[in-house]
């Protein structure tokens, strides 16, 4: 349900990159 709602209205969510460089690296690793 949330997946469909996000796809339909993705622009209502701001892009919030992680503030910490280590967190960015962790997310990049996972992705």
ModelCIF file with pLDDT and N, C-alpha, C, O atoms, coordinates in Angstrom:
data_MODEL
#
_entry.id   MODEL 
#
_entity.id                         1 
_entity.type                       polymer 
_entity.pdbx_number_of_molecules   1 
#
_entity_poly.entity_id                      1 
_entity_poly.type                           'polypeptide(L)' 
_entity_poly.nstd_linkage                   no 
_entity_poly.nstd_monomer                   no 
_entity_poly.pdbx_seq_one_letter_code       
;(UNK)(UNK)(UNK)(UNK)(UNK)(UNK)(UNK)(UNK)(UNK)(UNK)(UNK)(UNK)(UNK)(UNK)(UNK)(UNK)
(UNK)(UNK)(UNK)(UNK)(UNK)(UNK)(UNK)(UNK)(UNK)(UNK)(UNK)(UNK)(UNK)(UNK)(UNK)
;
_entity_poly.pdbx_seq_one_letter_code_can   XXXXXXXXXXXXXXXXXXXXXXXXXXXXXXX 
_entity_poly.pdbx_strand_id                 A 
#
loop_
_entity_poly_seq.entity_id 
_entity_poly_seq.num 
_entity_poly_seq.mon_id 
_entity_poly_seq.hetero 
1 1  UNK n 
1 2  UNK n 
1 3  UNK n 
1 4  UNK n 
1 5  UNK n 
1 6  UNK n 
1 7  UNK n 
1 8  UNK n 
1 9  UNK n 
1 10 UNK n 
1 11 UNK n 
1 12 UNK n 
1 13 UNK n 
1 14 UNK n 
1 15 UNK n 
1 16 UNK n 
1 17 UNK n 
1 18 UNK n 
1 19 UNK n 
1 20 UNK n 
1 21 UNK n 
1 22 UNK n 
1 23 UNK n 
1 24 UNK n 
1 25 UNK n 
1 26 UNK n 
1 27 UNK n 
1 28 UNK n 
1 29 UNK n 
1 30 UNK n 
1 31 UNK n 
#
_struct_asym.id          A 
_struct_asym.entity_id   1 
#
loop_
_ma_qa_metric.id 
_ma_qa_metric.mode 
_ma_qa_metric.name 
_ma_qa_metric.software_group_id 
_ma_qa_metric.type 
1 global pLDDT . pLDDT 
2 local  pLDDT . pLDDT 
#
_ma_qa_metric_global.metric_id      1 
_ma_qa_metric_global.metric_value   82.74 
_ma_qa_metric_global.model_id       1 
_ma_qa_metric_global.ordinal_id     1 
#
loop_
_ma_qa_metric_local.label_asym_id 
_ma_qa_metric_local.label_comp_id 
_ma_qa_metric_local.label_seq_id 
_ma_qa_metric_local.metric_id 
_ma_qa_metric_local.metric_value 
_ma_qa_metric_local.model_id 
_ma_qa_metric_local.ordinal_id 
A UNK 1  2 91.00 1 1  
A UNK 2  2 89.00 1 2  
A UNK 3  2 89.00 1 3  
A UNK 4  2 90.00 1 4  
A UNK 5  2 89.00 1 5  
A UNK 6  2 88.00 1 6  
A UNK 7  2 85.00 1 7  
A UNK 8  2 85.00 1 8  
A UNK 9  2 83.00 1 9  
A UNK 10 2 76.00 1 10 
A UNK 11 2 76.00 1 11 
A UNK 12 2 75.00 1 12 
A UNK 13 2 70.00 1 13 
A UNK 14 2 65.00 1 14 
A UNK 15 2 64.00 1 15 
A UNK 16 2 66.00 1 16 
A UNK 17 2 70.00 1 17 
A UNK 18 2 76.00 1 18 
A UNK 19 2 82.00 1 19 
A UNK 20 2 89.00 1 20 
A UNK 21 2 91.00 1 21 
A UNK 22 2 92.00 1 22 
A UNK 23 2 87.00 1 23 
A UNK 24 2 89.00 1 24 
A UNK 25 2 93.00 1 25 
A UNK 26 2 89.00 1 26 
A UNK 27 2 85.00 1 27 
A UNK 28 2 89.00 1 28 
A UNK 29 2 89.00 1 29 
A UNK 30 2 82.00 1 30 
A UNK 31 2 81.00 1 31 
#
loop_
_atom_site.group_PDB 
_atom_site.id 
_atom_site.type_symbol 
_atom_site.label_atom_id 
_atom_site.label_alt_id 
_atom_site.label_comp_id 
_atom_site.label_asym_id 
_atom_site.label_entity_id 
_atom_site.label_seq_id 
_atom_site.pdbx_PDB_ins_code 
_atom_site.Cartn_x 
_atom_site.Cartn_y 
_atom_site.Cartn_z 
_atom_site.occupancy 
_atom_site.B_iso_or_equiv 
_atom_site.pdbx_formal_charge 
_atom_site.auth_seq_id 
_atom_site.auth_comp_id 
_atom_site.auth_asym_id 
_atom_site.auth_atom_id 
_atom_site.pdbx_PDB_model_num 
ATOM 1   N N  . UNK A 1 1  ? 0.836  -1.213 0.000  1.00 91.00 ? 1  UNK A N  1 
ATOM 2   C CA . UNK A 1 1  ? 0.000  0.000  0.000  1.00 91.00 ? 1  UNK A CA 1 
ATOM 3   C C  . UNK A 1 1  ? 0.871  1.263  0.000  1.00 91.00 ? 1  UNK A C  1 
ATOM 4   O O  . UNK A 1 1  ? 0.629  2.190  -0.772 1.00 91.00 ? 1  UNK A O  1 
ATOM 5   N N  . UNK A 1 2  ? 1.877  1.288  0.866  1.00 89.00 ? 2  UNK A N  1 
ATOM 6   C CA . UNK A 1 2  ? 2.779  2.438  0.923  1.00 89.00 ? 2  UNK A CA 1 
ATOM 7   C C  . UNK A 1 2  ? 3.587  2.556  -0.369 1.00 89.00 ? 2  UNK A C  1 
ATOM 8   O O  . UNK A 1 2  ? 3.841  3.663  -0.846 1.00 89.00 ? 2  UNK A O  1 
ATOM 9   N N  . UNK A 1 3  ? 3.987  1.426  -0.929 1.00 89.00 ? 3  UNK A N  1 
ATOM 10  C CA . UNK A 1 3  ? 4.745  1.407  -2.185 1.00 89.00 ? 3  UNK A CA 1 
ATOM 11  C C  . UNK A 1 3  ? 3.951  2.112  -3.289 1.00 89.00 ? 3  UNK A C  1 
ATOM 12  O O  . UNK A 1 3  ? 4.473  2.976  -3.994 1.00 89.00 ? 3  UNK A O  1 
ATOM 13  N N  . UNK A 1 4  ? 2.694  1.729  -3.421 1.00 90.00 ? 4  UNK A N  1 
ATOM 14  C CA . UNK A 1 4  ? 1.838  2.341  -4.453 1.00 90.00 ? 4  UNK A CA 1 
ATOM 15  C C  . UNK A 1 4  ? 1.644  3.839  -4.194 1.00 90.00 ? 4  UNK A C  1 
ATOM 16  O O  . UNK A 1 4  ? 1.678  4.648  -5.122 1.00 90.00 ? 4  UNK A O  1 
ATOM 17  N N  . UNK A 1 5  ? 1.441  4.192  -2.936 1.00 89.00 ? 5  UNK A N  1 
ATOM 18  C CA . UNK A 1 5  ? 1.231  5.599  -2.587 1.00 89.00 ? 5  UNK A CA 1 
ATOM 19  C C  . UNK A 1 5  ? 2.482  6.430  -2.886 1.00 89.00 ? 5  UNK A C  1 
ATOM 20  O O  . UNK A 1 5  ? 2.379  7.549  -3.390 1.00 89.00 ? 5  UNK A O  1 
ATOM 21  N N  . UNK A 1 6  ? 3.649  5.892  -2.581 1.00 88.00 ? 6  UNK A N  1 
ATOM 22  C CA . UNK A 1 6  ? 4.894  6.615  -2.839 1.00 88.00 ? 6  UNK A CA 1 
ATOM 23  C C  . UNK A 1 6  ? 5.123  6.764  -4.336 1.00 88.00 ? 6  UNK A C  1 
ATOM 24  O O  . UNK A 1 6  ? 5.504  7.840  -4.798 1.00 88.00 ? 6  UNK A O  1 
ATOM 25  N N  . UNK A 1 7  ? 4.896  5.700  -5.100 1.00 85.00 ? 7  UNK A N  1 
ATOM 26  C CA . UNK A 1 7  ? 5.067  5.795  -6.556 1.00 85.00 ? 7  UNK A CA 1 
ATOM 27  C C  . UNK A 1 7  ? 4.117  6.821  -7.160 1.00 85.00 ? 7  UNK A C  1 
ATOM 28  O O  . UNK A 1 7  ? 4.484  7.556  -8.077 1.00 85.00 ? 7  UNK A O  1 
ATOM 29  N N  . UNK A 1 8  ? 2.906  6.865  -6.642 1.00 85.00 ? 8  UNK A N  1 
ATOM 30  C CA . UNK A 1 8  ? 1.906  7.783  -7.176 1.00 85.00 ? 8  UNK A CA 1 
ATOM 31  C C  . UNK A 1 8  ? 2.229  9.234  -6.824 1.00 85.00 ? 8  UNK A C  1 
ATOM 32  O O  . UNK A 1 8  ? 1.982  10.137 -7.623 1.00 85.00 ? 8  UNK A O  1 
ATOM 33  N N  . UNK A 1 9  ? 2.778  9.457  -5.633 1.00 83.00 ? 9  UNK A N  1 
ATOM 34  C CA . UNK A 1 9  ? 2.975  10.814 -5.143 1.00 83.00 ? 9  UNK A CA 1 
ATOM 35  C C  . UNK A 1 9  ? 4.405  10.998 -4.625 1.00 83.00 ? 9  UNK A C  1 
ATOM 36  O O  . UNK A 1 9  ? 4.613  11.529 -3.534 1.00 83.00 ? 9  UNK A O  1 
ATOM 37  N N  . UNK A 1 10 ? 5.375  10.558 -5.409 1.00 76.00 ? 10 UNK A N  1 
ATOM 38  C CA . UNK A 1 10 ? 6.769  10.591 -4.967 1.00 76.00 ? 10 UNK A CA 1 
ATOM 39  C C  . UNK A 1 10 ? 7.289  12.008 -4.757 1.00 76.00 ? 10 UNK A C  1 
ATOM 40  O O  . UNK A 1 10 ? 8.216  12.205 -3.971 1.00 76.00 ? 10 UNK A O  1 
ATOM 41  N N  . UNK A 1 11 ? 6.722  12.992 -5.433 1.00 76.00 ? 11 UNK A N  1 
ATOM 42  C CA . UNK A 1 11 ? 7.211  14.364 -5.312 1.00 76.00 ? 11 UNK A CA 1 
ATOM 43  C C  . UNK A 1 11 ? 6.858  15.003 -3.975 1.00 76.00 ? 11 UNK A C  1 
ATOM 44  O O  . UNK A 1 11 ? 7.414  16.041 -3.616 1.00 76.00 ? 11 UNK A O  1 
ATOM 45  N N  . UNK A 1 12 ? 5.949  14.397 -3.244 1.00 75.00 ? 12 UNK A N  1 
ATOM 46  C CA . UNK A 1 12 ? 5.588  14.957 -1.942 1.00 75.00 ? 12 UNK A CA 1 
ATOM 47  C C  . UNK A 1 12 ? 6.640  14.646 -0.883 1.00 75.00 ? 12 UNK A C  1 
ATOM 48  O O  . UNK A 1 12 ? 6.595  15.199 0.216  1.00 75.00 ? 12 UNK A O  1 
ATOM 49  N N  . UNK A 1 13 ? 7.576  13.775 -1.201 1.00 70.00 ? 13 UNK A N  1 
ATOM 50  C CA . UNK A 1 13 ? 8.647  13.432 -0.272 1.00 70.00 ? 13 UNK A CA 1 
ATOM 51  C C  . UNK A 1 13 ? 9.933  14.137 -0.711 1.00 70.00 ? 13 UNK A C  1 
ATOM 52  O O  . UNK A 1 13 ? 10.370 13.961 -1.848 1.00 70.00 ? 13 UNK A O  1 
ATOM 53  N N  . UNK A 1 14 ? 10.533 14.917 0.158  1.00 65.00 ? 14 UNK A N  1 
ATOM 54  C CA . UNK A 1 14 ? 11.788 15.578 -0.213 1.00 65.00 ? 14 UNK A CA 1 
ATOM 55  C C  . UNK A 1 14 ? 12.937 14.575 -0.266 1.00 65.00 ? 14 UNK A C  1 
ATOM 56  O O  . UNK A 1 14 ? 12.896 13.536 0.394  1.00 65.00 ? 14 UNK A O  1 
ATOM 57  N N  . UNK A 1 15 ? 13.952 14.891 -1.050 1.00 64.00 ? 15 UNK A N  1 
ATOM 58  C CA . UNK A 1 15 ? 15.154 14.074 -1.061 1.00 64.00 ? 15 UNK A CA 1 
ATOM 59  C C  . UNK A 1 15 ? 15.967 14.459 0.160  1.00 64.00 ? 15 UNK A C  1 
ATOM 60  O O  . UNK A 1 15 ? 16.372 15.612 0.310  1.00 64.00 ? 15 UNK A O  1 
ATOM 61  N N  . UNK A 1 16 ? 16.202 13.496 1.026  1.00 66.00 ? 16 UNK A N  1 
ATOM 62  C CA . UNK A 1 16 ? 16.938 13.737 2.261  1.00 66.00 ? 16 UNK A CA 1 
ATOM 63  C C  . UNK A 1 16 ? 18.174 12.853 2.307  1.00 66.00 ? 16 UNK A C  1 
ATOM 64  O O  . UNK A 1 16 ? 18.129 11.758 2.868  1.00 66.00 ? 16 UNK A O  1 
ATOM 65  N N  . UNK A 1 17 ? 19.274 13.309 1.727  1.00 70.00 ? 17 UNK A N  1 
ATOM 66  C CA . UNK A 1 17 ? 20.475 12.476 1.792  1.00 70.00 ? 17 UNK A CA 1 
ATOM 67  C C  . UNK A 1 17 ? 20.990 12.412 3.225  1.00 70.00 ? 17 UNK A C  1 
ATOM 68  O O  . UNK A 1 17 ? 20.784 13.342 4.005  1.00 70.00 ? 17 UNK A O  1 
ATOM 69  N N  . UNK A 1 18 ? 21.654 11.327 3.567  1.00 76.00 ? 18 UNK A N  1 
ATOM 70  C CA . UNK A 1 18 ? 22.234 11.235 4.911  1.00 76.00 ? 18 UNK A CA 1 
ATOM 71  C C  . UNK A 1 18 ? 23.230 12.366 5.131  1.00 76.00 ? 18 UNK A C  1 
ATOM 72  O O  . UNK A 1 18 ? 23.961 12.741 4.215  1.00 76.00 ? 18 UNK A O  1 
ATOM 73  N N  . UNK A 1 19 ? 23.260 12.898 6.322  1.00 82.00 ? 19 UNK A N  1 
ATOM 74  C CA . UNK A 1 19 ? 24.172 13.991 6.628  1.00 82.00 ? 19 UNK A CA 1 
ATOM 75  C C  . UNK A 1 19 ? 25.606 13.494 6.816  1.00 82.00 ? 19 UNK A C  1 
ATOM 76  O O  . UNK A 1 19 ? 26.564 14.200 6.500  1.00 82.00 ? 19 UNK A O  1 
ATOM 77  N N  . UNK A 1 20 ? 25.738 12.305 7.319  1.00 89.00 ? 20 UNK A N  1 
ATOM 78  C CA . UNK A 1 20 ? 27.050 11.742 7.601  1.00 89.00 ? 20 UNK A CA 1 
ATOM 79  C C  . UNK A 1 20 ? 27.608 11.029 6.369  1.00 89.00 ? 20 UNK A C  1 
ATOM 80  O O  . UNK A 1 20 ? 26.890 10.298 5.687  1.00 89.00 ? 20 UNK A O  1 
ATOM 81  N N  . UNK A 1 21 ? 28.887 11.248 6.093  1.00 91.00 ? 21 UNK A N  1 
ATOM 82  C CA . UNK A 1 21 ? 29.548 10.584 4.968  1.00 91.00 ? 21 UNK A CA 1 
ATOM 83  C C  . UNK A 1 21 ? 29.540 9.072  5.167  1.00 91.00 ? 21 UNK A C  1 
ATOM 84  O O  . UNK A 1 21 ? 29.360 8.321  4.208  1.00 91.00 ? 21 UNK A O  1 
ATOM 85  N N  . UNK A 1 22 ? 29.734 8.622  6.406  1.00 92.00 ? 22 UNK A N  1 
ATOM 86  C CA . UNK A 1 22 ? 29.709 7.183  6.668  1.00 92.00 ? 22 UNK A CA 1 
ATOM 87  C C  . UNK A 1 22 ? 28.340 6.589  6.358  1.00 92.00 ? 22 UNK A C  1 
ATOM 88  O O  . UNK A 1 22 ? 28.257 5.494  5.803  1.00 92.00 ? 22 UNK A O  1 
ATOM 89  N N  . UNK A 1 23 ? 27.262 7.294  6.708  1.00 87.00 ? 23 UNK A N  1 
ATOM 90  C CA . UNK A 1 23 ? 25.903 6.803  6.403  1.00 87.00 ? 23 UNK A CA 1 
ATOM 91  C C  . UNK A 1 23 ? 25.677 6.755  4.895  1.00 87.00 ? 23 UNK A C  1 
ATOM 92  O O  . UNK A 1 23 ? 25.027 5.836  4.397  1.00 87.00 ? 23 UNK A O  1 
ATOM 93  N N  . UNK A 1 24 ? 26.208 7.736  4.162  1.00 89.00 ? 24 UNK A N  1 
ATOM 94  C CA . UNK A 1 24 ? 26.106 7.711  2.699  1.00 89.00 ? 24 UNK A CA 1 
ATOM 95  C C  . UNK A 1 24 ? 26.804 6.483  2.143  1.00 89.00 ? 24 UNK A C  1 
ATOM 96  O O  . UNK A 1 24 ? 26.288 5.807  1.253  1.00 89.00 ? 24 UNK A O  1 
ATOM 97  N N  . UNK A 1 25 ? 27.977 6.204  2.676  1.00 93.00 ? 25 UNK A N  1 
ATOM 98  C CA . UNK A 1 25 ? 28.724 5.037  2.218  1.00 93.00 ? 25 UNK A CA 1 
ATOM 99  C C  . UNK A 1 25 ? 27.995 3.736  2.547  1.00 93.00 ? 25 UNK A C  1 
ATOM 100 O O  . UNK A 1 25 ? 27.988 2.804  1.743  1.00 93.00 ? 25 UNK A O  1 
ATOM 101 N N  . UNK A 1 26 ? 27.386 3.674  3.719  1.00 89.00 ? 26 UNK A N  1 
ATOM 102 C CA . UNK A 1 26 ? 26.616 2.481  4.090  1.00 89.00 ? 26 UNK A CA 1 
ATOM 103 C C  . UNK A 1 26 ? 25.450 2.274  3.126  1.00 89.00 ? 26 UNK A C  1 
ATOM 104 O O  . UNK A 1 26 ? 25.206 1.156  2.670  1.00 89.00 ? 26 UNK A O  1 
ATOM 105 N N  . UNK A 1 27 ? 24.740 3.344  2.821  1.00 85.00 ? 27 UNK A N  1 
ATOM 106 C CA . UNK A 1 27 ? 23.614 3.232  1.882  1.00 85.00 ? 27 UNK A CA 1 
ATOM 107 C C  . UNK A 1 27 ? 24.096 2.868  0.486  1.00 85.00 ? 27 UNK A C  1 
ATOM 108 O O  . UNK A 1 27 ? 23.477 2.050  -0.194 1.00 85.00 ? 27 UNK A O  1 
ATOM 109 N N  . UNK A 1 28 ? 25.207 3.476  0.055  1.00 89.00 ? 28 UNK A N  1 
ATOM 110 C CA . UNK A 1 28 ? 25.754 3.142  -1.253 1.00 89.00 ? 28 UNK A CA 1 
ATOM 111 C C  . UNK A 1 28 ? 26.144 1.677  -1.304 1.00 89.00 ? 28 UNK A C  1 
ATOM 112 O O  . UNK A 1 28 ? 25.889 1.008  -2.305 1.00 89.00 ? 28 UNK A O  1 
ATOM 113 N N  . UNK A 1 29 ? 26.749 1.173  -0.258 1.00 89.00 ? 29 UNK A N  1 
ATOM 114 C CA . UNK A 1 29 ? 27.135 -0.241 -0.180 1.00 89.00 ? 29 UNK A CA 1 
ATOM 115 C C  . UNK A 1 29 ? 25.907 -1.130 -0.327 1.00 89.00 ? 29 UNK A C  1 
ATOM 116 O O  . UNK A 1 29 ? 25.904 -2.060 -1.133 1.00 89.00 ? 29 UNK A O  1 
ATOM 117 N N  . UNK A 1 30 ? 24.861 -0.846 0.453  1.00 82.00 ? 30 UNK A N  1 
ATOM 118 C CA . UNK A 1 30 ? 23.631 -1.646 0.378  1.00 82.00 ? 30 UNK A CA 1 
ATOM 119 C C  . UNK A 1 30 ? 23.008 -1.585 -1.011 1.00 82.00 ? 30 UNK A C  1 
ATOM 120 O O  . UNK A 1 30 ? 22.602 -2.609 -1.559 1.00 82.00 ? 30 UNK A O  1 
ATOM 121 N N  . UNK A 1 31 ? 22.934 -0.391 -1.574 1.00 81.00 ? 31 UNK A N  1 
ATOM 122 C CA . UNK A 1 31 ? 22.309 -0.224 -2.888 1.00 81.00 ? 31 UNK A CA 1 
ATOM 123 C C  . UNK A 1 31 ? 23.142 -0.877 -3.993 1.00 81.00 ? 31 UNK A C  1 
ATOM 124 O O  . UNK A 1 31 ? 22.761 -0.830 -5.162 1.00 81.00 ? 31 UNK A O  1 
#
